[in-house]
Structures are given as structure tokens and as C-alpha cells.
Amino acid sequence: MNPADLSVQAKVMLSSGDLAEVVAINEGEYTVQIRYVDNMGDPALVGTEAWISADEVIALDQGGHSEGAT
């Protein structure tokens, strides 16, 4: 995702399926600092922060889930 389309405190979905909050954006390096809100593979990561490639951000989270939607 283009870092210019992100904002600090935005909730985002990562390519790993994890949910994160944007903490900082480095457009020049094409990286985003995130704080894990939900981590599918390692729940111990919840609350921790990491710098990731902006390519790992696949969507803005709109706060809903589609499971079971009819």
C-alpha cells in the first residue's frame, strides 16, 4: 500500500492476516511502523511494535468482519 494513503493511528490489515495500528510512516524508506493489535501466528506479539515494508499493508481495516455474512 502506498504510505501516502496511510495515517498514524489507522488500523490496517497485513498480508500475514494480522491486524495492526500505524504508529509512524517513513515514506522515503517505504516503511511503516506498526503496533500489533491481533497476531494470528504469535499472540505474544500483540502490543509490540515493528517496522515493516509498506507492501505488507494490504488494506485499511474498516472495523468489521465478513465471516458469516449473508
N, C-alpha and C. Protein backbone atom coordinates (compact mmCIF):
# COMPACT_ATOMS: atom_id res chain seq x y z
N MET A 1 0.86 -1.17 0.00
CA MET A 1 0.00 0.00 0.00
C MET A 1 0.90 1.23 0.00
N ASN A 2 0.47 2.25 -0.67
CA ASN A 2 1.22 3.50 -0.74
C ASN A 2 1.21 4.16 0.65
N PRO A 3 2.39 4.44 1.22
CA PRO A 3 2.42 5.07 2.54
C PRO A 3 1.68 6.40 2.60
N ALA A 4 1.57 7.10 1.48
CA ALA A 4 0.85 8.37 1.45
C ALA A 4 -0.64 8.19 1.71
N ASP A 5 -1.14 6.96 1.52
CA ASP A 5 -2.56 6.67 1.76
C ASP A 5 -2.84 6.29 3.21
N LEU A 6 -1.79 6.21 4.03
CA LEU A 6 -1.93 5.81 5.42
C LEU A 6 -1.85 7.01 6.35
N SER A 7 -2.35 6.84 7.54
CA SER A 7 -2.23 7.89 8.56
C SER A 7 -1.93 7.22 9.90
N VAL A 8 -1.25 7.97 10.77
CA VAL A 8 -0.95 7.47 12.10
C VAL A 8 -2.26 7.18 12.82
N GLN A 9 -2.32 6.08 13.53
CA GLN A 9 -3.47 5.56 14.28
C GLN A 9 -4.46 4.80 13.41
N ALA A 10 -4.23 4.72 12.10
CA ALA A 10 -5.11 3.93 11.24
C ALA A 10 -4.92 2.45 11.56
N LYS A 11 -6.00 1.71 11.56
CA LYS A 11 -5.94 0.26 11.72
C LYS A 11 -5.78 -0.33 10.32
N VAL A 12 -4.84 -1.28 10.18
CA VAL A 12 -4.56 -1.87 8.88
C VAL A 12 -4.49 -3.38 8.96
N MET A 13 -4.80 -4.02 7.85
CA MET A 13 -4.65 -5.46 7.72
C MET A 13 -3.33 -5.72 7.01
N LEU A 14 -2.58 -6.69 7.52
CA LEU A 14 -1.30 -7.04 6.94
C LEU A 14 -1.43 -8.29 6.06
N SER A 15 -0.47 -8.49 5.17
CA SER A 15 -0.51 -9.65 4.28
C SER A 15 -0.49 -10.96 5.06
N SER A 16 -0.01 -10.94 6.28
CA SER A 16 0.03 -12.14 7.14
C SER A 16 -1.33 -12.46 7.75
N GLY A 17 -2.30 -11.55 7.58
CA GLY A 17 -3.62 -11.72 8.19
C GLY A 17 -3.73 -11.04 9.54
N ASP A 18 -2.65 -10.41 9.99
CA ASP A 18 -2.64 -9.74 11.29
C ASP A 18 -3.26 -8.35 11.19
N LEU A 19 -3.77 -7.86 12.31
CA LEU A 19 -4.33 -6.52 12.41
C LEU A 19 -3.33 -5.66 13.17
N ALA A 20 -3.09 -4.45 12.69
CA ALA A 20 -2.11 -3.57 13.32
C ALA A 20 -2.60 -2.13 13.29
N GLU A 21 -1.95 -1.31 14.12
CA GLU A 21 -2.21 0.12 14.14
C GLU A 21 -0.94 0.83 13.66
N VAL A 22 -1.10 1.80 12.77
CA VAL A 22 0.05 2.55 12.27
C VAL A 22 0.55 3.49 13.36
N VAL A 23 1.84 3.41 13.66
CA VAL A 23 2.48 4.24 14.67
C VAL A 23 3.25 5.38 14.01
N ALA A 24 3.93 5.08 12.90
CA ALA A 24 4.72 6.08 12.19
C ALA A 24 4.85 5.65 10.73
N ILE A 25 5.13 6.62 9.88
CA ILE A 25 5.25 6.37 8.45
C ILE A 25 6.56 6.99 7.97
N ASN A 26 7.35 6.22 7.23
CA ASN A 26 8.58 6.72 6.63
C ASN A 26 8.44 6.55 5.12
N GLU A 27 7.84 7.56 4.46
CA GLU A 27 7.58 7.47 3.03
C GLU A 27 8.87 7.32 2.24
N GLY A 28 9.94 7.99 2.68
CA GLY A 28 11.21 7.92 1.97
C GLY A 28 11.80 6.52 1.91
N GLU A 29 11.60 5.76 2.97
CA GLU A 29 12.10 4.38 3.03
C GLU A 29 11.03 3.37 2.62
N TYR A 30 9.79 3.85 2.38
CA TYR A 30 8.66 2.99 2.03
C TYR A 30 8.40 1.96 3.13
N THR A 31 8.49 2.44 4.39
CA THR A 31 8.24 1.57 5.54
C THR A 31 7.20 2.20 6.47
N VAL A 32 6.61 1.34 7.28
CA VAL A 32 5.58 1.76 8.23
C VAL A 32 5.89 1.11 9.57
N GLN A 33 5.84 1.90 10.64
CA GLN A 33 5.97 1.32 11.97
C GLN A 33 4.57 0.98 12.45
N ILE A 34 4.41 -0.26 12.87
CA ILE A 34 3.08 -0.72 13.31
C ILE A 34 3.16 -1.25 14.73
N ARG A 35 1.99 -1.28 15.38
CA ARG A 35 1.82 -1.95 16.67
C ARG A 35 0.78 -3.04 16.43
N TYR A 36 1.16 -4.28 16.74
CA TYR A 36 0.24 -5.39 16.53
C TYR A 36 -0.97 -5.28 17.46
N VAL A 37 -2.15 -5.38 16.89
CA VAL A 37 -3.40 -5.38 17.63
C VAL A 37 -3.90 -6.82 17.77
N ASP A 38 -3.70 -7.61 16.71
CA ASP A 38 -4.08 -9.02 16.70
C ASP A 38 -3.07 -9.74 15.83
N ASN A 39 -2.50 -10.83 16.34
CA ASN A 39 -1.50 -11.57 15.59
C ASN A 39 -1.91 -13.02 15.53
N MET A 40 -2.13 -13.52 14.33
CA MET A 40 -2.63 -14.88 14.14
C MET A 40 -1.60 -15.94 14.49
N GLY A 41 -0.33 -15.69 14.16
CA GLY A 41 0.69 -16.71 14.34
C GLY A 41 1.37 -16.70 15.70
N ASP A 42 1.42 -15.52 16.34
CA ASP A 42 2.15 -15.41 17.60
C ASP A 42 1.48 -14.37 18.49
N PRO A 43 0.51 -14.78 19.30
CA PRO A 43 -0.22 -13.83 20.16
C PRO A 43 0.69 -13.01 21.07
N ALA A 44 1.90 -13.47 21.34
CA ALA A 44 2.83 -12.72 22.19
C ALA A 44 3.27 -11.41 21.53
N LEU A 45 3.08 -11.29 20.22
CA LEU A 45 3.45 -10.06 19.52
C LEU A 45 2.45 -8.92 19.73
N VAL A 46 1.24 -9.24 20.20
CA VAL A 46 0.22 -8.21 20.41
C VAL A 46 0.76 -7.15 21.37
N GLY A 47 0.69 -5.89 20.93
CA GLY A 47 1.20 -4.77 21.73
C GLY A 47 2.62 -4.39 21.39
N THR A 48 3.33 -5.24 20.66
CA THR A 48 4.70 -4.91 20.27
C THR A 48 4.70 -4.11 18.98
N GLU A 49 5.81 -3.44 18.71
CA GLU A 49 5.93 -2.61 17.52
C GLU A 49 7.03 -3.14 16.62
N ALA A 50 6.88 -2.86 15.32
CA ALA A 50 7.87 -3.28 14.34
C ALA A 50 7.80 -2.37 13.13
N TRP A 51 8.94 -2.20 12.46
CA TRP A 51 8.97 -1.52 11.17
C TRP A 51 8.80 -2.58 10.09
N ILE A 52 7.88 -2.35 9.16
CA ILE A 52 7.63 -3.30 8.08
C ILE A 52 7.60 -2.55 6.75
N SER A 53 7.75 -3.28 5.67
CA SER A 53 7.62 -2.70 4.34
C SER A 53 6.16 -2.30 4.12
N ALA A 54 5.95 -1.18 3.47
CA ALA A 54 4.59 -0.74 3.17
C ALA A 54 3.86 -1.76 2.29
N ASP A 55 4.61 -2.59 1.57
CA ASP A 55 3.99 -3.63 0.74
C ASP A 55 3.26 -4.67 1.57
N GLU A 56 3.61 -4.80 2.85
CA GLU A 56 2.95 -5.77 3.72
C GLU A 56 1.58 -5.30 4.19
N VAL A 57 1.28 -4.01 4.02
CA VAL A 57 -0.02 -3.47 4.39
C VAL A 57 -0.93 -3.65 3.17
N ILE A 58 -1.99 -4.45 3.35
CA ILE A 58 -2.84 -4.74 2.20
C ILE A 58 -4.15 -3.97 2.19
N ALA A 59 -4.60 -3.47 3.34
CA ALA A 59 -5.88 -2.76 3.37
C ALA A 59 -6.04 -1.99 4.68
N LEU A 60 -6.86 -0.97 4.62
CA LEU A 60 -7.29 -0.28 5.84
C LEU A 60 -8.39 -1.10 6.46
N ASP A 61 -8.36 -1.29 7.76
CA ASP A 61 -9.39 -2.06 8.45
C ASP A 61 -10.60 -1.16 8.67
N GLN A 62 -11.76 -1.63 8.25
CA GLN A 62 -12.98 -0.87 8.39
C GLN A 62 -13.78 -1.26 9.63
N GLY A 63 -13.19 -2.12 10.48
CA GLY A 63 -13.82 -2.44 11.76
C GLY A 63 -14.85 -3.52 11.73
N GLY A 64 -14.98 -4.25 10.66
CA GLY A 64 -15.96 -5.31 10.62
C GLY A 64 -15.37 -6.59 10.05
N HIS A 65 -16.09 -7.65 10.23
CA HIS A 65 -15.66 -8.94 9.68
C HIS A 65 -16.77 -9.46 8.79
N SER A 66 -16.38 -10.19 7.75
CA SER A 66 -17.37 -10.69 6.81
C SER A 66 -17.74 -12.15 7.05
N GLU A 67 -17.09 -12.79 8.01
CA GLU A 67 -17.43 -14.19 8.28
C GLU A 67 -18.90 -14.32 8.64
N GLY A 68 -19.55 -15.24 8.00
CA GLY A 68 -20.95 -15.49 8.31
C GLY A 68 -21.90 -14.47 7.74
N ALA A 69 -21.40 -13.52 6.97
CA ALA A 69 -22.29 -12.51 6.37
C ALA A 69 -23.15 -13.17 5.31
N THR A 70 -24.39 -12.76 5.25
CA THR A 70 -25.28 -13.35 4.25
C THR A 70 -25.75 -12.30 3.28
